[in-house]
């Protein structure tokens, strides 16, 4: 019989590489088809039976608290913990030890993903009495693994190594930013040194300590698609991919005003968007509250009330 598992989502990062978008809004609140990335994660947790969630907040935390409140409207109960220092993922998780008394499912709050088999990961954790279960995905492109972490699995099915951002990935299994942990992870985190690479406490190093201590760690192929939303182009691609998954040509929010003759193709418009001219909006994302006053067509543009980003591919 499965025991109790709570949810943890790390949503404190500033997201400097996606500026200027993150100057005005916390990155986990950036929308995919008019729903914040963070909301997808909370809904995923509720779908598999998790009712208690800790949100670790920091940059522009008021926006997250205002949006989600106590979580009752989503069927969960949210507790907020503020991360004062930004010293890496392991450090952020380690700060939660006083608040966590049960095994937990950890999400990184800036990753948009489709994980339809997430329940299998939790079932594996309980059935195998694991120290940890890592969500993984097979990747044909080694560069995608190099931007995340590689997972090496013994023929018995147990993880033997995890390698953060490998130059030469030793396997085609990529870690995807979802983890199920036993409380023993806190012992490993306390013994995790800062890395020379980024002068941070890396969670992958903590997981390797867990493995070396003899705790069984398993991979779970539960993720079909995942995008670490690092730069503005990533956010646009997430929206276009979700449109395709939904099988629709456009998602248009409430209170949108389009000029006569304006056309919207394969694009997402947030609530209250105003398009003042009869232009074509194609393969684009316009955030809520934006007034579009250009007479020129928008193709592969990300438009906010503060800035317009041209994301058309440049010639090599």
Protein backbone atom coordinates (compact mmCIF):
# COMPACT_ATOMS: atom_id res chain seq x y z
CA UNK A 1 0.00 0.00 0.00
CA UNK A 2 1.32 3.40 -0.92
CA UNK A 3 2.16 5.85 1.84
CA UNK A 4 1.79 9.59 2.00
CA UNK A 5 3.73 11.74 -0.45
CA UNK A 6 3.73 15.52 -0.61
CA UNK A 7 4.66 17.80 -3.49
CA UNK A 8 7.48 20.33 -3.69
CA UNK A 9 7.94 22.84 -6.51
CA UNK A 10 11.00 25.09 -6.74
CA UNK A 11 9.73 28.44 -8.06
CA UNK A 12 12.22 30.94 -6.64
CA UNK A 13 14.60 31.56 -9.54
CA UNK A 14 15.01 34.93 -11.21
CA UNK A 15 15.47 33.60 -14.73
CA UNK A 16 18.04 36.14 -15.90
CA UNK A 17 18.44 34.50 -19.34
CA UNK A 18 14.78 35.03 -20.18
CA UNK A 19 14.86 38.74 -19.38
CA UNK A 20 13.11 41.07 -20.00
CA UNK A 21 10.16 38.69 -19.53
CA UNK A 22 11.22 37.76 -15.99
CA UNK A 23 11.72 41.38 -14.94
CA UNK A 24 7.97 41.88 -14.76
CA UNK A 25 6.71 38.40 -13.79
CA UNK A 26 8.15 35.32 -12.05
CA UNK A 27 9.25 32.74 -14.60
CA UNK A 28 6.93 29.97 -13.28
CA UNK A 29 3.98 32.26 -14.04
CA UNK A 30 4.87 32.56 -17.72
CA UNK A 31 1.88 31.18 -19.65
CA UNK A 32 1.48 28.24 -21.98
CA UNK A 33 -1.87 28.56 -23.78
CA UNK A 34 -2.93 31.11 -21.16
CA UNK A 35 -2.15 28.88 -18.17
CA UNK A 36 0.97 29.40 -16.01
CA UNK A 37 3.65 26.70 -16.20
CA UNK A 38 3.28 26.33 -12.44
CA UNK A 39 -0.42 25.57 -12.74
CA UNK A 40 0.25 22.63 -15.07
CA UNK A 41 2.58 21.21 -12.42
CA UNK A 42 0.09 21.69 -9.59
CA UNK A 43 -2.59 20.00 -11.68
CA UNK A 44 -0.24 17.11 -12.44
CA UNK A 45 0.37 16.62 -8.72
CA UNK A 46 -3.31 16.68 -7.89
CA UNK A 47 -4.03 14.22 -10.71
CA UNK A 48 -1.86 11.57 -9.04
CA UNK A 49 -3.33 12.14 -5.60
CA UNK A 50 -0.98 14.69 -4.00
CA UNK A 51 -2.89 17.20 -1.90
CA UNK A 52 -0.17 19.00 0.09
CA UNK A 53 2.32 21.11 -1.87
CA UNK A 54 5.20 23.31 -0.75
CA UNK A 55 6.09 26.12 -3.15
CA UNK A 56 9.59 27.52 -2.73
CA UNK A 57 9.38 31.16 -3.82
CA UNK A 58 11.76 34.08 -4.13
CA UNK A 59 11.88 36.44 -7.12
CA UNK A 60 8.58 38.37 -7.40
CA UNK A 61 7.04 35.91 -4.94
CA UNK A 62 3.99 38.13 -4.37
CA UNK A 63 2.78 37.37 -7.89
CA UNK A 64 2.81 33.63 -7.24
CA UNK A 65 1.10 33.94 -3.86
CA UNK A 66 -1.52 36.24 -5.34
CA UNK A 67 -2.22 33.88 -8.22
CA UNK A 68 -2.51 30.60 -6.32
CA UNK A 69 -3.39 31.58 -2.75
CA UNK A 70 -3.86 28.54 -0.53
CA UNK A 71 -4.43 26.33 -3.59
CA UNK A 72 -7.98 25.32 -2.63
CA UNK A 73 -9.32 26.31 -6.05
CA UNK A 74 -6.98 23.72 -7.58
CA UNK A 75 -7.79 21.03 -5.04
CA UNK A 76 -4.48 21.23 -3.15
CA UNK A 77 -3.19 22.96 -0.03
CA UNK A 78 -0.16 25.18 -0.69
CA UNK A 79 2.45 26.21 1.86
CA UNK A 80 4.95 28.89 0.81
CA UNK A 81 8.60 28.86 1.84
CA UNK A 82 10.89 31.71 0.80
CA UNK A 83 14.39 30.91 -0.46
CA UNK A 84 16.66 33.67 0.81
CA UNK A 85 19.88 32.62 -0.97
CA UNK A 86 20.31 31.23 -4.48
CA UNK A 87 22.98 28.56 -4.04
CA UNK A 88 21.73 25.79 -6.28
CA UNK A 89 18.93 23.24 -6.36
CA UNK A 90 20.34 21.02 -3.62
CA UNK A 91 20.62 24.03 -1.32
CA UNK A 92 17.00 24.98 -2.04
CA UNK A 93 15.79 21.45 -1.26
CA UNK A 94 17.93 21.30 1.86
CA UNK A 95 16.22 24.38 3.26
CA UNK A 96 12.96 22.43 3.28
CA UNK A 97 14.08 19.81 5.80
CA UNK A 98 12.24 21.47 8.75
CA UNK A 99 9.00 21.46 6.73
CA UNK A 100 9.11 17.97 5.18
CA UNK A 101 8.30 14.83 7.17
CA UNK A 102 7.19 12.55 4.35
CA UNK A 103 8.65 11.38 1.02
CA UNK A 104 8.12 14.03 -1.63
CA UNK A 105 7.73 14.55 -5.36
CA UNK A 106 9.92 17.42 -6.56
CA UNK A 107 9.31 19.54 -9.65
CA UNK A 108 11.53 22.29 -11.02
CA UNK A 109 9.11 25.17 -11.57
CA UNK A 110 10.49 26.44 -14.89
CA UNK A 111 10.07 23.21 -16.87
CA UNK A 112 7.03 22.70 -19.07
CA UNK A 113 6.37 19.03 -19.61
CA UNK A 114 3.92 16.35 -20.55
CA UNK A 115 4.21 13.44 -18.12
CA UNK A 116 1.06 11.36 -18.63
CA UNK A 117 2.51 8.36 -16.77
CA UNK A 118 3.58 10.31 -13.69
CA UNK A 119 1.62 7.96 -11.42
CA UNK A 120 3.94 5.11 -12.46
CA UNK A 121 6.87 7.00 -10.96
CA UNK A 122 5.18 7.25 -7.57
CA UNK A 123 4.05 3.61 -7.70
CA UNK A 124 7.64 2.56 -8.45
CA UNK A 125 8.89 4.56 -5.48
CA UNK A 126 6.64 2.73 -3.03
CA UNK A 127 6.79 -0.74 -4.57
CA UNK A 128 10.60 -0.80 -4.72
CA UNK A 129 11.15 1.11 -1.48
CA UNK A 130 13.44 3.45 -3.37
CA UNK A 131 15.73 6.11 -2.06
CA UNK A 132 14.81 8.06 -5.18
CA UNK A 133 13.11 7.72 -8.55
CA UNK A 134 14.22 9.99 -11.38
CA UNK A 135 12.00 10.94 -14.32
CA UNK A 136 13.99 10.30 -17.50
CA UNK A 137 13.52 10.50 -21.23
CA UNK A 138 15.48 8.85 -24.04
CA UNK A 139 17.17 11.52 -26.16
CA UNK A 140 18.66 11.06 -29.60
CA UNK A 141 20.29 14.50 -29.45
CA UNK A 142 23.28 14.49 -27.05
CA UNK A 143 23.22 18.29 -26.78
CA UNK A 144 19.85 18.10 -25.01
CA UNK A 145 21.38 15.77 -22.44
CA UNK A 146 24.36 18.11 -22.08
CA UNK A 147 22.00 20.90 -21.04
CA UNK A 148 20.48 18.74 -18.31
CA UNK A 149 21.94 15.62 -16.73
CA UNK A 150 22.75 12.11 -17.89
CA UNK A 151 21.56 8.97 -16.13
CA UNK A 152 23.53 5.72 -16.27
CA UNK A 153 21.61 2.54 -15.49
CA UNK A 154 22.99 -0.91 -14.56
CA UNK A 155 21.50 -3.92 -16.42
CA UNK A 156 19.65 -4.70 -13.17
CA UNK A 157 17.68 -1.47 -13.63
CA UNK A 158 19.29 0.52 -10.82
CA UNK A 159 20.84 3.94 -11.48
CA UNK A 160 24.61 3.88 -10.91
CA UNK A 161 25.63 7.39 -11.97
CA UNK A 162 24.13 10.81 -12.60
CA UNK A 163 26.25 13.42 -14.36
CA UNK A 164 25.37 17.11 -14.44
CA UNK A 165 25.66 18.76 -17.88
CA UNK A 166 28.06 16.19 -19.37
CA UNK A 167 30.22 17.24 -22.31
CA UNK A 168 30.13 13.64 -23.53
CA UNK A 169 26.93 11.94 -22.35
CA UNK A 170 27.61 8.30 -21.42
CA UNK A 171 24.00 7.25 -22.11
CA UNK A 172 20.92 8.42 -23.98
CA UNK A 173 18.88 8.84 -20.80
CA UNK A 174 18.26 12.46 -19.85
CA UNK A 175 17.03 13.57 -16.44
CA UNK A 176 13.84 15.62 -16.78
CA UNK A 177 13.45 17.67 -13.60
CA UNK A 178 10.98 15.48 -11.68
CA UNK A 179 12.21 13.48 -8.69
CA UNK A 180 10.62 11.30 -6.02
CA UNK A 181 12.73 11.33 -2.85
CA UNK A 182 12.83 9.54 0.45
CA UNK A 183 13.87 11.64 3.45
CA UNK A 184 17.39 10.19 3.17
CA UNK A 185 18.06 12.80 0.47
CA UNK A 186 18.47 15.39 3.24
CA UNK A 187 21.41 13.43 4.70
CA UNK A 188 23.01 13.40 1.26
CA UNK A 189 22.42 17.13 0.75
CA UNK A 190 24.17 17.96 4.01
CA UNK A 191 27.28 16.24 2.66
CA UNK A 192 27.13 17.79 -0.81
CA UNK A 193 30.04 20.13 -1.63
CA UNK A 194 29.81 23.20 -3.81
CA UNK A 195 30.78 22.53 -7.40
CA UNK A 196 33.77 24.08 -9.12
CA UNK A 197 31.69 24.61 -12.26
CA UNK A 198 29.01 26.93 -10.90
CA UNK A 199 29.90 27.33 -7.21
CA UNK A 200 26.51 25.88 -6.29
CA UNK A 201 25.16 22.84 -4.52
CA UNK A 202 24.04 20.55 -7.35
CA UNK A 203 21.19 18.13 -6.73
CA UNK A 204 22.80 15.57 -9.04
CA UNK A 205 25.79 15.42 -6.68
CA UNK A 206 23.42 14.77 -3.78
CA UNK A 207 21.75 11.97 -5.76
CA UNK A 208 25.17 10.43 -6.47
CA UNK A 209 25.95 10.49 -2.74
CA UNK A 210 22.61 8.75 -2.15
CA UNK A 211 23.59 6.07 -4.69
CA UNK A 212 27.06 5.64 -3.19
CA UNK A 213 25.47 5.24 0.25
CA UNK A 214 23.63 2.20 -1.07
CA UNK A 215 20.13 3.60 -1.46
CA UNK A 216 18.37 2.18 -4.54
CA UNK A 217 17.68 4.82 -7.18
CA UNK A 218 15.58 3.99 -10.23
CA UNK A 219 14.77 5.65 -13.58
CA UNK A 220 11.18 6.13 -14.70
CA UNK A 221 10.37 6.87 -18.35
CA UNK A 222 7.23 8.89 -17.66
CA UNK A 223 7.93 12.07 -19.66
CA UNK A 224 6.88 12.47 -23.30
CA UNK A 225 7.96 16.09 -23.73
CA UNK A 226 9.90 18.54 -21.59
CA UNK A 227 11.21 22.04 -22.21
CA UNK A 228 13.35 23.93 -19.74
CA UNK A 229 12.05 27.45 -20.30
CA UNK A 230 15.39 29.25 -20.29
CA UNK A 231 15.09 31.85 -23.06
CA UNK A 232 12.14 33.59 -24.74
CA UNK A 233 12.18 31.23 -27.72
CA UNK A 234 11.54 28.30 -25.36
CA UNK A 235 8.32 29.90 -24.16
CA UNK A 236 7.08 30.43 -27.72
CA UNK A 237 7.94 26.83 -28.65
CA UNK A 238 6.04 25.52 -25.61
CA UNK A 239 2.95 27.43 -26.68
CA UNK A 240 3.15 26.23 -30.28
CA UNK A 241 3.70 22.64 -29.15
CA UNK A 242 0.70 22.81 -26.81
CA UNK A 243 -1.48 24.19 -29.62
CA UNK A 244 -0.47 21.19 -31.70
CA UNK A 245 -1.14 18.78 -28.82
CA UNK A 246 -4.58 20.30 -28.29
CA UNK A 247 -5.28 20.10 -32.03
CA UNK A 248 -6.38 23.72 -32.30
CA UNK A 249 -5.34 26.62 -34.52
CA UNK A 250 -5.41 29.26 -31.80
CA UNK A 251 -6.14 29.91 -28.15
CA UNK A 252 -7.72 33.30 -27.55
CA UNK A 253 -8.33 34.58 -24.03
CA UNK A 254 -11.27 36.46 -22.59
CA UNK A 255 -11.99 40.04 -23.55
CA UNK A 256 -9.81 40.04 -26.68
CA UNK A 257 -10.53 42.78 -29.24
CA UNK A 258 -9.47 42.19 -32.85
CA UNK A 259 -9.65 44.87 -35.53
CA UNK A 260 -11.94 43.99 -38.45
CA UNK A 261 -9.88 41.91 -40.89
CA UNK A 262 -7.28 40.81 -38.33
CA UNK A 263 -6.40 37.11 -38.61
CA UNK A 264 -4.95 34.75 -36.01
CA UNK A 265 -3.17 31.59 -37.13
CA UNK A 266 -1.39 29.09 -34.89
CA UNK A 267 -1.03 31.66 -32.10
CA UNK A 268 -1.98 32.32 -28.49
CA UNK A 269 -3.54 35.60 -27.32
CA UNK A 270 -3.95 36.25 -23.61
CA UNK A 271 -6.86 37.92 -21.84
CA UNK A 272 -7.62 41.51 -22.76
CA UNK A 273 -5.35 41.66 -25.81
CA UNK A 274 -6.20 44.41 -28.28
CA UNK A 275 -5.09 44.21 -31.93
CA UNK A 276 -5.74 47.62 -33.48
CA UNK A 277 -4.98 46.92 -37.15
CA UNK A 278 -6.12 44.29 -39.70
CA UNK A 279 -2.88 42.33 -39.45
CA UNK A 280 -1.95 38.64 -39.52
CA UNK A 281 -0.83 37.15 -36.20
CA UNK A 282 0.93 33.89 -36.99
CA UNK A 283 3.04 31.48 -34.91
CA UNK A 284 3.11 34.09 -32.16
CA UNK A 285 2.38 34.60 -28.47
CA UNK A 286 0.78 37.79 -27.13
CA UNK A 287 0.57 38.01 -23.36
CA UNK A 288 -2.46 39.26 -21.45
CA UNK A 289 -3.09 42.99 -21.36
CA UNK A 290 -1.05 43.78 -24.48
CA UNK A 291 -2.19 46.46 -26.93
CA UNK A 292 -0.81 45.72 -30.41
CA UNK A 293 -0.64 48.96 -32.37
CA UNK A 294 1.64 47.98 -35.25
CA UNK A 295 0.32 47.95 -38.83
CA UNK A 296 2.75 45.14 -39.69
CA UNK A 297 2.04 41.41 -39.53
CA UNK A 298 3.35 39.51 -36.51
CA UNK A 299 5.12 36.27 -37.41
CA UNK A 300 7.01 34.36 -34.69
CA UNK A 301 6.78 37.27 -32.30
CA UNK A 302 6.45 37.24 -28.51
CA UNK A 303 4.63 40.40 -27.49
CA UNK A 304 4.06 41.64 -23.94
CA UNK A 305 2.77 44.95 -22.58
CA UNK A 306 6.41 45.96 -22.11
CA UNK A 307 8.33 44.56 -25.09
CA UNK A 308 8.13 42.88 -28.50
CA UNK A 309 10.61 40.07 -29.18
CA UNK A 310 11.27 38.98 -32.77
CA UNK A 311 11.93 35.22 -32.63
CA UNK A 312 12.17 34.49 -36.33
CA UNK A 313 15.06 32.21 -37.15
CA UNK A 314 18.14 34.08 -38.32
CA UNK A 315 20.14 32.78 -41.22
CA UNK A 316 23.34 30.92 -40.23
